[in-house]
N, C-alpha and C. Protein backbone atom coordinates (compact mmCIF):
# COMPACT_ATOMS: atom_id res chain seq x y z
N PHE A 1 5.41 -0.43 2.67
CA PHE A 1 4.16 -0.17 1.95
C PHE A 1 3.04 -1.01 2.46
N GLY A 2 3.35 -1.87 3.38
CA GLY A 2 2.23 -2.71 4.00
C GLY A 2 1.75 -3.68 3.10
N ILE A 3 2.54 -4.37 2.14
CA ILE A 3 2.08 -5.35 1.28
C ILE A 3 2.16 -6.77 1.94
N LYS A 4 0.93 -7.36 2.00
CA LYS A 4 0.75 -8.59 2.76
C LYS A 4 1.52 -9.66 1.97
N ASP A 5 2.03 -10.60 2.67
CA ASP A 5 2.66 -11.84 2.09
C ASP A 5 1.40 -12.80 1.50
N ASN A 6 1.74 -13.38 0.35
CA ASN A 6 0.77 -14.19 -0.20
C ASN A 6 1.61 -15.41 -0.83
N LYS A 7 0.78 -16.29 -1.34
CA LYS A 7 1.59 -17.62 -1.94
C LYS A 7 2.37 -17.09 -3.17
N SER A 8 2.20 -16.06 -3.77
CA SER A 8 3.08 -15.62 -5.04
C SER A 8 4.36 -14.95 -4.51
N TRP A 9 4.42 -14.53 -3.34
CA TRP A 9 5.64 -13.85 -2.72
C TRP A 9 6.76 -14.89 -2.33
N LYS A 10 7.97 -14.60 -2.88
CA LYS A 10 9.01 -15.53 -2.78
C LYS A 10 10.18 -15.02 -1.78
N GLY A 11 9.87 -13.87 -1.25
CA GLY A 11 10.84 -13.18 -0.41
C GLY A 11 10.48 -13.54 1.13
N ASP A 12 11.18 -12.76 1.93
CA ASP A 12 10.97 -12.86 3.39
C ASP A 12 9.80 -12.10 3.79
N SER A 13 9.23 -12.55 4.99
CA SER A 13 8.05 -11.83 5.54
C SER A 13 8.15 -11.77 6.96
N VAL A 14 7.28 -11.09 7.56
CA VAL A 14 7.36 -10.93 9.16
C VAL A 14 5.85 -10.75 9.54
N LYS A 15 5.48 -11.46 10.59
CA LYS A 15 4.15 -11.55 11.17
C LYS A 15 4.06 -10.41 12.24
N ILE A 16 3.28 -9.43 12.14
CA ILE A 16 2.99 -8.40 12.99
C ILE A 16 1.59 -8.10 13.21
N GLY A 17 1.32 -7.44 14.39
CA GLY A 17 0.03 -6.86 14.59
C GLY A 17 -0.30 -5.68 13.71
N THR A 18 -1.53 -5.61 13.28
CA THR A 18 -2.09 -4.63 12.44
C THR A 18 -3.48 -4.36 12.67
N LEU A 19 -3.95 -3.17 12.25
CA LEU A 19 -5.30 -2.72 12.39
C LEU A 19 -6.02 -2.91 10.97
N GLU A 20 -7.00 -3.77 10.92
CA GLU A 20 -7.69 -3.85 9.63
C GLU A 20 -9.15 -3.14 9.80
N VAL A 21 -9.79 -2.68 8.80
CA VAL A 21 -11.04 -2.16 8.89
C VAL A 21 -11.96 -3.23 8.26
N GLU A 22 -12.90 -3.87 9.12
CA GLU A 22 -13.92 -4.77 8.66
C GLU A 22 -15.25 -4.27 9.09
N SER A 23 -16.21 -4.17 8.07
CA SER A 23 -17.41 -3.83 8.38
C SER A 23 -17.53 -2.51 9.03
N GLY A 24 -16.57 -1.51 8.60
CA GLY A 24 -16.40 -0.36 9.15
C GLY A 24 -15.78 -0.08 10.53
N GLU A 25 -15.42 -1.28 11.10
CA GLU A 25 -14.77 -1.26 12.37
C GLU A 25 -13.35 -1.61 12.41
N PHE A 26 -12.50 -0.95 13.22
CA PHE A 26 -11.08 -1.34 13.21
C PHE A 26 -11.01 -2.65 14.13
N VAL A 27 -10.15 -3.54 13.61
CA VAL A 27 -10.05 -4.83 14.39
C VAL A 27 -8.53 -5.16 14.32
N GLN A 28 -8.04 -5.70 15.37
CA GLN A 28 -6.61 -6.00 15.42
C GLN A 28 -6.44 -7.44 14.89
N ARG A 29 -5.38 -7.60 14.00
CA ARG A 29 -5.14 -8.92 13.51
C ARG A 29 -3.60 -9.10 13.57
N GLN A 30 -3.19 -10.41 13.45
CA GLN A 30 -1.76 -10.67 13.18
C GLN A 30 -1.74 -11.06 11.61
N GLU A 31 -0.94 -10.38 10.97
CA GLU A 31 -0.85 -10.74 9.47
C GLU A 31 0.68 -10.75 9.20
N LYS A 32 0.77 -11.47 8.06
CA LYS A 32 2.26 -11.56 7.49
C LYS A 32 2.27 -10.58 6.39
N PHE A 33 3.50 -9.80 6.51
CA PHE A 33 3.72 -8.72 5.54
C PHE A 33 5.13 -9.09 4.93
N ARG A 34 5.19 -8.61 3.60
CA ARG A 34 6.47 -8.63 2.98
C ARG A 34 7.57 -7.98 3.72
N SER A 35 8.83 -8.46 3.73
CA SER A 35 9.93 -7.83 4.40
C SER A 35 11.03 -7.68 3.53
N TYR A 36 11.89 -6.66 3.65
CA TYR A 36 12.92 -6.25 2.69
C TYR A 36 14.34 -6.06 3.39
N SER A 37 15.30 -6.19 2.66
CA SER A 37 16.56 -5.91 3.27
C SER A 37 16.91 -4.40 3.12
N SER A 38 16.15 -3.77 2.35
CA SER A 38 16.52 -2.21 2.13
C SER A 38 15.43 -1.42 1.69
N PHE A 39 15.47 -0.18 1.88
CA PHE A 39 14.36 0.75 1.36
C PHE A 39 14.27 0.58 -0.12
N GLU A 40 15.32 0.54 -0.90
CA GLU A 40 15.33 0.40 -2.36
C GLU A 40 14.42 -0.87 -2.72
N SER A 41 14.77 -2.04 -2.05
CA SER A 41 13.97 -3.17 -2.34
C SER A 41 12.61 -3.07 -2.15
N SER A 42 12.19 -2.29 -1.10
CA SER A 42 10.79 -2.16 -0.73
C SER A 42 10.10 -1.18 -1.75
N PHE A 43 10.78 -0.20 -2.25
CA PHE A 43 10.25 0.70 -3.30
C PHE A 43 10.07 -0.03 -4.61
N ASN A 44 11.10 -0.90 -4.93
CA ASN A 44 11.03 -1.67 -6.22
C ASN A 44 9.91 -2.55 -6.19
N ASP A 45 9.74 -3.29 -5.10
CA ASP A 45 8.61 -4.15 -5.00
C ASP A 45 7.23 -3.47 -5.00
N PHE A 46 7.03 -2.50 -4.51
CA PHE A 46 5.90 -1.65 -4.43
C PHE A 46 5.56 -1.38 -5.94
N VAL A 47 6.46 -0.84 -6.68
CA VAL A 47 6.30 -0.46 -8.09
C VAL A 47 6.00 -1.74 -8.96
N ASP A 48 6.69 -2.81 -8.71
CA ASP A 48 6.35 -4.10 -9.37
C ASP A 48 4.89 -4.54 -9.04
N PHE A 49 4.55 -4.52 -7.78
CA PHE A 49 3.27 -4.94 -7.23
C PHE A 49 2.05 -4.20 -7.79
N VAL A 50 2.13 -2.86 -7.89
CA VAL A 50 1.08 -2.04 -8.56
C VAL A 50 1.02 -2.14 -10.00
N SER A 51 2.20 -2.16 -10.61
CA SER A 51 2.37 -2.00 -12.15
C SER A 51 2.07 -3.32 -12.71
N ASN A 52 2.28 -4.50 -12.18
CA ASN A 52 1.88 -5.78 -12.65
C ASN A 52 0.72 -6.40 -12.19
N ASN A 53 -0.18 -5.64 -11.56
CA ASN A 53 -1.45 -6.21 -10.96
C ASN A 53 -2.56 -5.51 -11.68
N PRO A 54 -3.39 -6.18 -12.53
CA PRO A 54 -4.52 -5.58 -13.24
C PRO A 54 -5.52 -4.74 -12.34
N ARG A 55 -5.46 -5.15 -11.17
CA ARG A 55 -6.37 -4.46 -10.23
C ARG A 55 -6.07 -2.98 -10.10
N TYR A 56 -4.78 -2.57 -10.39
CA TYR A 56 -4.27 -1.18 -10.30
C TYR A 56 -4.12 -0.58 -11.61
N ASP A 57 -4.72 -1.07 -12.74
CA ASP A 57 -4.46 -0.53 -14.03
C ASP A 57 -4.96 0.97 -14.02
N LYS A 58 -6.06 1.34 -13.49
CA LYS A 58 -6.60 2.69 -13.53
C LYS A 58 -5.49 3.66 -12.94
N ALA A 59 -4.93 3.11 -11.67
CA ALA A 59 -4.07 3.98 -10.96
C ALA A 59 -2.78 4.33 -11.92
N MET A 60 -2.42 3.38 -12.75
CA MET A 60 -1.18 3.60 -13.54
C MET A 60 -1.40 4.75 -14.54
N ASN A 61 -2.66 5.12 -14.85
CA ASN A 61 -2.95 6.26 -15.58
C ASN A 61 -2.50 7.55 -14.98
N PHE A 62 -2.14 7.51 -13.59
CA PHE A 62 -1.93 8.64 -12.83
C PHE A 62 -0.59 8.70 -12.16
N VAL A 63 0.41 8.06 -12.80
CA VAL A 63 1.76 7.99 -12.24
C VAL A 63 2.36 9.35 -12.12
N ASN A 64 1.84 10.32 -12.81
CA ASN A 64 2.45 11.71 -12.65
C ASN A 64 1.56 12.65 -11.74
N ASP A 65 0.67 12.05 -11.08
CA ASP A 65 -0.30 12.92 -10.14
C ASP A 65 -0.35 11.99 -8.97
N ALA A 66 0.37 12.27 -7.92
CA ALA A 66 0.49 11.54 -6.63
C ALA A 66 -0.82 11.38 -6.06
N GLU A 67 -1.58 12.42 -5.89
CA GLU A 67 -2.91 12.35 -5.10
C GLU A 67 -3.83 11.39 -6.00
N LYS A 68 -4.02 11.55 -7.29
CA LYS A 68 -4.92 10.68 -8.01
C LYS A 68 -4.45 9.24 -8.03
N PHE A 69 -3.06 9.01 -8.13
CA PHE A 69 -2.49 7.71 -7.99
C PHE A 69 -2.92 7.01 -6.62
N ILE A 70 -2.72 7.71 -5.51
CA ILE A 70 -2.95 7.12 -4.31
C ILE A 70 -4.50 6.79 -4.03
N GLN A 71 -5.34 7.76 -4.57
CA GLN A 71 -6.81 7.59 -4.41
C GLN A 71 -7.16 6.47 -5.30
N SER A 72 -6.48 6.27 -6.36
CA SER A 72 -6.93 5.20 -7.35
C SER A 72 -6.53 3.77 -6.76
N ILE A 73 -5.35 3.65 -6.09
CA ILE A 73 -5.00 2.40 -5.44
C ILE A 73 -5.94 2.06 -4.36
N GLN A 74 -6.29 3.07 -3.66
CA GLN A 74 -7.24 2.82 -2.50
C GLN A 74 -8.57 2.32 -3.12
N GLU A 75 -9.05 2.97 -4.05
CA GLU A 75 -10.32 2.52 -4.65
C GLU A 75 -10.27 1.19 -5.18
N ALA A 76 -9.16 0.68 -5.52
CA ALA A 76 -8.89 -0.56 -6.05
C ALA A 76 -8.66 -1.72 -5.06
N GLY A 77 -8.72 -1.08 -3.77
CA GLY A 77 -8.66 -2.14 -2.64
C GLY A 77 -7.26 -2.28 -1.94
N TYR A 78 -6.38 -1.32 -2.28
CA TYR A 78 -5.04 -1.32 -1.65
C TYR A 78 -5.01 -1.64 -0.24
N ALA A 79 -5.82 -0.78 0.52
CA ALA A 79 -5.79 -0.74 2.03
C ALA A 79 -7.15 -0.77 2.53
N THR A 80 -7.42 -1.37 3.85
CA THR A 80 -8.73 -1.41 4.24
C THR A 80 -9.13 -0.19 4.99
N ASP A 81 -8.29 0.59 5.39
CA ASP A 81 -8.58 1.89 5.96
C ASP A 81 -9.17 2.82 5.08
N PRO A 82 -10.35 3.33 5.28
CA PRO A 82 -11.06 4.25 4.40
C PRO A 82 -10.49 5.59 4.29
N ASN A 83 -9.56 5.85 5.22
CA ASN A 83 -8.82 7.15 5.09
C ASN A 83 -7.36 6.96 4.64
N TYR A 84 -7.06 5.91 4.19
CA TYR A 84 -5.67 5.59 3.61
C TYR A 84 -5.20 6.61 2.71
N ALA A 85 -5.87 6.97 1.65
CA ALA A 85 -5.39 7.93 0.75
C ALA A 85 -5.32 9.21 1.28
N LYS A 86 -6.15 9.67 2.20
CA LYS A 86 -6.06 10.96 2.78
C LYS A 86 -4.90 11.07 3.72
N LYS A 87 -4.62 10.02 4.45
CA LYS A 87 -3.36 9.99 5.30
C LYS A 87 -2.12 10.15 4.52
N ILE A 88 -2.02 9.26 3.40
CA ILE A 88 -0.83 9.39 2.57
C ILE A 88 -0.62 10.75 1.86
N ILE A 89 -1.75 11.20 1.41
CA ILE A 89 -1.69 12.43 0.74
C ILE A 89 -1.26 13.67 1.74
N ASN A 90 -1.69 13.56 2.93
CA ASN A 90 -1.33 14.44 3.96
C ASN A 90 0.16 14.39 4.22
N ILE A 91 0.62 13.21 4.31
CA ILE A 91 2.20 13.05 4.61
C ILE A 91 3.02 13.75 3.26
N PHE A 92 2.47 13.31 2.21
CA PHE A 92 3.16 13.71 0.99
C PHE A 92 3.22 15.25 0.94
N ASN A 93 2.07 15.89 1.06
CA ASN A 93 1.92 17.33 1.07
C ASN A 93 2.67 18.05 2.11
N ARG A 94 2.85 17.53 3.42
CA ARG A 94 3.59 17.96 4.60
C ARG A 94 5.02 17.92 4.12
N ASN A 95 5.49 16.88 3.47
CA ASN A 95 6.83 16.72 3.08
C ASN A 95 7.26 17.67 2.01
N LEU A 96 6.35 18.08 1.17
CA LEU A 96 6.54 19.09 0.18
C LEU A 96 6.95 20.42 0.65
N ASP A 97 6.32 20.72 1.89
CA ASP A 97 6.50 21.97 2.53
C ASP A 97 7.85 22.14 3.23
N ASP A 98 8.55 21.11 3.45
CA ASP A 98 9.95 21.09 4.13
C ASP A 98 10.96 21.46 3.32
């Protein structure tokens, strides 16, 4: 889920190259991201991260509507890519067709 490591994170992390959008431009950065031992741990941490962070309170109103949920977390600042929600929704919809 691309959750960056911060002081509150008590688990493992990995430093990797990433593209961030700053002032409308993509820039390369080296950032520390949370690392997990399993997919399950990753999903559980994402749920904890958004459900326990007041920044994403609006998104929690849309847990039964994937598109509105993703749009809401982007609006709350989840990702710097201005097309983040669109990309995730496209992946979600493509997988529904399979």
